[in-house]
C-alpha atoms as a PDB file:
ATOM      1  CA  GLN A   1      38.179  31.841  -2.497  1.00  0.00           C
ATOM      2  CA  ASN A   2      36.975  34.983  -4.229  1.00  0.00           C
ATOM      3  CA  GLY A   3      37.030  36.826  -0.924  1.00  0.00           C
ATOM      4  CA  GLN A   4      34.865  34.210   0.829  1.00  0.00           C
ATOM      5  CA  GLU A   5      36.008  31.899   3.549  1.00  0.00           C
ATOM      6  CA  VAL A   6      35.745  28.126   3.123  1.00  0.00           C
ATOM      7  CA  TYR A   7      35.217  25.920   6.158  1.00  0.00           C
ATOM      8  CA  LYS A   8      35.899  22.219   6.410  1.00  0.00           C
ATOM      9  CA  ILE A   9      33.518  20.261   8.618  1.00  0.00           C
ATOM     10  CA  PRO A  10      35.319  17.503  10.549  1.00  0.00           C
ATOM     11  CA  PHE A  11      32.481  14.960  10.393  1.00  0.00           C
ATOM     12  CA  CYS A  12      30.288  13.237   7.870  1.00  0.00           C
ATOM     13  CA  ILE A  13      26.691  14.452   7.587  1.00  0.00           C
ATOM     14  CA  SER A  14      25.505  10.868   7.097  1.00  0.00           C
ATOM     15  CA  ASP A  15      26.526  10.149  10.700  1.00  0.00           C
ATOM     16  CA  TYR A  16      23.445  12.107  11.790  1.00  0.00           C
ATOM     17  CA  PHE A  17      21.014   9.864   9.927  1.00  0.00           C
ATOM     18  CA  THR A  18      20.285   6.364  11.183  1.00  0.00           C
ATOM     19  CA  ASP A  19      19.192   4.956   7.824  1.00  0.00           C
ATOM     20  CA  THR A  20      20.588   7.060   5.029  1.00  0.00           C
ATOM     21  CA  THR A  21      19.620   4.580   2.316  1.00  0.00           C
ATOM     22  CA  ASN A  22      15.878   4.750   3.018  1.00  0.00           C
ATOM     23  CA  ILE A  23      15.397   8.237   4.429  1.00  0.00           C
ATOM     24  CA  LEU A  24      14.813   9.840   1.032  1.00  0.00           C
ATOM     25  CA  ARG A  25      12.849   6.990  -0.554  1.00  0.00           C
ATOM     26  CA  ASP A  26       9.196   7.243  -1.497  1.00  0.00           C
ATOM     27  CA  ASN A  27       7.383   5.206   1.159  1.00  0.00           C
ATOM     28  CA  GLN A  28       3.845   5.908  -0.074  1.00  0.00           C
ATOM     29  CA  ILE A  29       1.678   2.826  -0.606  1.00  0.00           C
ATOM     30  CA  LEU A  30      -1.687   4.557  -0.905  1.00  0.00           C
ATOM     31  CA  ASN A  31      -2.784   8.163  -1.252  1.00  0.00           C
ATOM     32  CA  PHE A  32      -6.387   9.026  -2.095  1.00  0.00           C
ATOM     33  CA  ASP A  33      -9.414  10.963  -0.859  1.00  0.00           C
ATOM     34  CA  PRO A  34     -11.620   8.436   0.983  1.00  0.00           C
ATOM     35  CA  ASN A  35     -14.718  10.539   0.246  1.00  0.00           C
ATOM     36  CA  GLN A  36     -14.224  10.008  -3.498  1.00  0.00           C
ATOM     37  CA  VAL A  37     -14.198   6.188  -3.413  1.00  0.00           C
ATOM     38  CA  THR A  38     -17.114   4.500  -5.172  1.00  0.00           C
ATOM     39  CA  ALA A  39     -15.927   0.901  -5.500  1.00  0.00           C
ATOM     40  CA  LEU A  40     -13.743  -1.633  -3.688  1.00  0.00           C
ATOM     41  CA  SER A  41     -12.821  -5.058  -4.962  1.00  0.00           C
ATOM     42  CA  TRP A  42     -10.748  -7.868  -3.466  1.00  0.00           C
ATOM     43  CA  MET A  43      -9.573 -10.675  -5.714  1.00  0.00           C
ATOM     44  CA  ASN A  44      -7.825 -13.813  -4.446  1.00  0.00           C
ATOM     45  CA  GLU A  45      -5.488 -16.334  -6.052  1.00  0.00           C
ATOM     46  CA  GLU A  46      -8.429 -18.415  -7.311  1.00  0.00           C
ATOM     47  CA  ASP A  47      -9.609 -15.358  -9.268  1.00  0.00           C
ATOM     48  CA  THR A  48     -12.765 -14.994  -7.193  1.00  0.00           C
ATOM     49  CA  SER A  49     -13.651 -11.526  -6.004  1.00  0.00           C
ATOM     50  CA  VAL A  50     -15.693  -9.648  -3.431  1.00  0.00           C
ATOM     51  CA  ASN A  51     -17.016  -6.320  -4.692  1.00  0.00           C
ATOM     52  CA  PHE A  52     -18.442  -3.295  -2.908  1.00  0.00           C
ATOM     53  CA  PHE A  53     -20.143  -0.377  -4.655  1.00  0.00           C
ATOM     54  CA  PHE A  54     -21.272   3.005  -3.342  1.00  0.00           C
ATOM     55  CA  GLU A  55     -24.548   4.155  -4.895  1.00  0.00           C
ATOM     56  CA  ASN A  56     -27.224   6.536  -3.616  1.00  0.00           C
ATOM     57  CA  ASN A  57     -25.233   7.067  -0.412  1.00  0.00           C
ATOM     58  CA  ILE A  58     -25.281   3.312   0.363  1.00  0.00           C
ATOM     59  CA  TRP A  59     -22.477   0.736   0.202  1.00  0.00           C
ATOM     60  CA  LYS A  60     -23.619  -2.555  -1.326  1.00  0.00           C
ATOM     61  CA  SER A  61     -22.123  -5.971  -1.920  1.00  0.00           C
ATOM     62  CA  GLN A  62     -24.018  -8.626  -3.850  1.00  0.00           C
ATOM     63  CA  ASN A  63     -27.156  -6.431  -3.695  1.00  0.00           C
ATOM     64  CA  GLU A  64     -27.061  -6.264   0.101  1.00  0.00           C
ATOM     65  CA  ASP A  65     -26.406  -3.154   2.169  1.00  0.00           C
ATOM     66  CA  VAL A  66     -23.047  -3.030   3.933  1.00  0.00           C
ATOM     67  CA  SER A  67     -22.090  -0.980   6.988  1.00  0.00           C
ATOM     68  CA  LYS A  68     -21.194   2.475   5.702  1.00  0.00           C
ATOM     69  CA  SER A  69     -19.398   3.373   8.934  1.00  0.00           C
ATOM     70  CA  LYS A  70     -17.147   0.278   8.750  1.00  0.00           C
ATOM     71  CA  ILE A  71     -16.185   0.959   5.141  1.00  0.00           C
ATOM     72  CA  ASN A  72     -15.621   4.656   5.840  1.00  0.00           C
ATOM     73  CA  ARG A  73     -13.420   3.755   8.831  1.00  0.00           C
ATOM     74  CA  PHE A  74     -11.456   1.307   6.643  1.00  0.00           C
ATOM     75  CA  LEU A  75     -10.976   3.907   3.894  1.00  0.00           C
ATOM     76  CA  SER A  76      -9.837   6.535   6.396  1.00  0.00           C
ATOM     77  CA  LYS A  77      -7.242   4.154   7.851  1.00  0.00           C
ATOM     78  CA  ILE A  78      -5.712   3.305   4.475  1.00  0.00           C
ATOM     79  CA  SER A  79      -6.134   6.578   2.534  1.00  0.00           C
ATOM     80  CA  SER A  80      -2.606   7.799   3.247  1.00  0.00           C
ATOM     81  CA  LEU A  81      -0.754   4.578   3.912  1.00  0.00           C
ATOM     82  CA  LYS A  82       3.039   4.588   4.176  1.00  0.00           C
ATOM     83  CA  SER A  83       5.685   2.066   5.133  1.00  0.00           C
ATOM     84  CA  ASN A  84       9.431   2.016   5.611  1.00  0.00           C
ATOM     85  CA  LYS A  85       9.568  -1.774   5.367  1.00  0.00           C
ATOM     86  CA  PHE A  86      10.998  -2.051   1.876  1.00  0.00           C
ATOM     87  CA  ALA A  87      11.379  -5.498   0.322  1.00  0.00           C
ATOM     88  CA  ASP A  88      14.381  -4.709  -1.874  1.00  0.00           C
ATOM     89  CA  ASP A  89      15.499  -8.336  -1.886  1.00  0.00           C
ATOM     90  CA  PHE A  90      12.170  -9.622  -3.237  1.00  0.00           C
ATOM     91  CA  ASP A  91      12.686 -11.837  -6.286  1.00  0.00           C
ATOM     92  CA  GLU A  92      10.042 -11.148  -8.938  1.00  0.00           C
ATOM     93  CA  ALA A  93      10.834 -14.393 -10.771  1.00  0.00           C
ATOM     94  CA  SER A  94       8.181 -16.403  -8.912  1.00  0.00           C
ATOM     95  CA  ILE A  95       5.587 -13.649  -8.739  1.00  0.00           C
ATOM     96  CA  ASP A  96       2.835 -15.662 -10.446  1.00  0.00           C
ATOM     97  CA  GLU A  97       3.255 -18.692  -8.166  1.00  0.00           C
ATOM     98  CA  ILE A  98       3.085 -16.682  -4.930  1.00  0.00           C
ATOM     99  CA  PHE A  99       0.223 -14.317  -5.812  1.00  0.00           C
ATOM    100  CA  TYR A 100      -2.053 -13.944  -2.784  1.00  0.00           C
ATOM    101  CA  GLY A 101      -4.591 -11.325  -3.835  1.00  0.00           C
ATOM    102  CA  LYS A 102      -5.342  -7.838  -5.053  1.00  0.00           C
ATOM    103  CA  LEU A 103      -7.267  -4.861  -3.702  1.00  0.00           C
ATOM    104  CA  LYS A 104      -8.693  -2.461  -6.249  1.00  0.00           C
ATOM    105  CA  ILE A 105      -9.994   1.004  -5.285  1.00  0.00           C
ATOM    106  CA  ASP A 106     -11.945   3.135  -7.738  1.00  0.00           C
ATOM    107  CA  GLY A 107     -13.636   6.473  -7.380  1.00  0.00           C
ATOM    108  CA  LEU A 108     -14.507   9.907  -8.588  1.00  0.00           C
ATOM    109  CA  ASN A 109     -11.669  12.069  -9.950  1.00  0.00           C
ATOM    110  CA  MET A 110      -9.275   9.109 -10.118  1.00  0.00           C
ATOM    111  CA  GLU A 111      -7.373   8.816 -13.384  1.00  0.00           C
ATOM    112  CA  SER A 112      -7.379   5.054 -13.009  1.00  0.00           C
ATOM    113  CA  PRO A 113      -8.179   2.578 -10.221  1.00  0.00           C
ATOM    114  CA  ILE A 114      -5.611   2.083  -7.495  1.00  0.00           C
ATOM    115  CA  GLU A 115      -4.388  -1.506  -7.261  1.00  0.00           C
ATOM    116  CA  ILE A 116      -2.445  -3.135  -4.449  1.00  0.00           C
ATOM    117  CA  SER A 117      -1.130  -6.598  -5.207  1.00  0.00           C
ATOM    118  CA  CYS A 118      -0.124  -8.976  -2.443  1.00  0.00           C
ATOM    119  CA  PHE A 119       2.230 -11.944  -2.649  1.00  0.00           C
ATOM    120  CA  TYR A 120       2.941 -14.595  -0.033  1.00  0.00           C
ATOM    121  CA  ASP A 121       6.505 -15.884   0.270  1.00  0.00           C
ATOM    122  CA  GLN A 122       6.668 -18.402   3.120  1.00  0.00           C
ATOM    123  CA  ASP A 123      10.470 -18.312   3.179  1.00  0.00           C
ATOM    124  CA  ARG A 124      10.594 -14.676   4.332  1.00  0.00           C
ATOM    125  CA  GLN A 125      10.472 -13.430   7.915  1.00  0.00           C
ATOM    126  CA  ASN A 126       7.767 -10.958   6.800  1.00  0.00           C
ATOM    127  CA  PRO A 127       6.059 -13.191   4.245  1.00  0.00           C
ATOM    128  CA  TYR A 128       3.580 -10.726   2.723  1.00  0.00           C
ATOM    129  CA  ILE A 129       4.897  -8.565  -0.102  1.00  0.00           C
ATOM    130  CA  LEU A 130       2.836  -5.598  -1.277  1.00  0.00           C
ATOM    131  CA  LYS A 131       3.050  -3.533  -4.434  1.00  0.00           C
ATOM    132  CA  SER A 132       0.884  -0.538  -5.308  1.00  0.00           C
ATOM    133  CA  ASN A 133       0.474   1.263  -8.598  1.00  0.00           C
ATOM    134  CA  ILE A 134       0.889   4.482  -6.588  1.00  0.00           C
ATOM    135  CA  ASN A 135       4.572   3.573  -6.104  1.00  0.00           C
ATOM    136  CA  GLN A 136       5.115   1.106  -8.941  1.00  0.00           C
ATOM    137  CA  ASN A 137       8.799   0.345  -8.575  1.00  0.00           C
ATOM    138  CA  THR A 138       8.745  -0.456  -4.872  1.00  0.00           C
ATOM    139  CA  TYR A 139       7.857  -3.599  -2.962  1.00  0.00           C
ATOM    140  CA  PHE A 140       6.967  -3.451   0.727  1.00  0.00           C
ATOM    141  CA  GLU A 141       6.973  -6.306   3.242  1.00  0.00           C
ATOM    142  CA  SER A 142       4.581  -7.063   6.077  1.00  0.00           C
ATOM    143  CA  ASP A 143       3.949  -9.672   8.700  1.00  0.00           C
ATOM    144  CA  SER A 144       0.440 -11.051   9.240  1.00  0.00           C
ATOM    145  CA  MET A 145      -0.495  -8.227  11.614  1.00  0.00           C
ATOM    146  CA  GLY A 146       0.904  -5.222   9.741  1.00  0.00           C
ATOM    147  CA  ILE A 147      -0.174  -3.510   6.547  1.00  0.00           C
ATOM    148  CA  PHE A 148      -1.212  -6.844   5.081  1.00  0.00           C
ATOM    149  CA  SER A 149      -3.839  -7.284   7.798  1.00  0.00           C
ATOM    150  CA  LEU A 150      -5.060  -3.717   7.386  1.00  0.00           C
ATOM    151  CA  LEU A 151      -5.608  -4.138   3.643  1.00  0.00           C
ATOM    152  CA  PHE A 152      -6.653  -7.781   3.239  1.00  0.00           C
ATOM    153  CA  LYS A 153      -8.388  -8.823   6.490  1.00  0.00           C
ATOM    154  CA  ARG A 154     -11.629  -6.843   6.372  1.00  0.00           C
ATOM    155  CA  ASP A 155     -14.335  -6.839   9.016  1.00  0.00           C
ATOM    156  CA  PHE A 156     -17.275  -5.881   6.805  1.00  0.00           C
END
């Protein structure tokens, strides 16, 4: 064609990818600078919360000092969190009944707080469903030891 040769490739390019449906999807759950975080808050299904605030180079919760190294380690682990465990079959219809909790992260230079909601669906193999406002249209799934544990089972 127009003096150029055209070649036909005798295979399908998708054969070289193991999961072509998810390879190009946005798998980001969290993405923030851990050094800019000034507040963390966990809320559970009973609407009670545990709050942590960073002031004067000290992390506090309920007016008591909290281990800065533990919180910094936690923030470093989750600051660029990704997952390829998409929960595309999650039914949003019962979202209010299966709400488990929410993690809220606020800080300097953030347009708005980051929120990660968690839902517990006992009928699923990976019963914890996570949704972040970083990637609003995507649900991720986790077992009790995966991302769920990292975000909602704190040791401080």
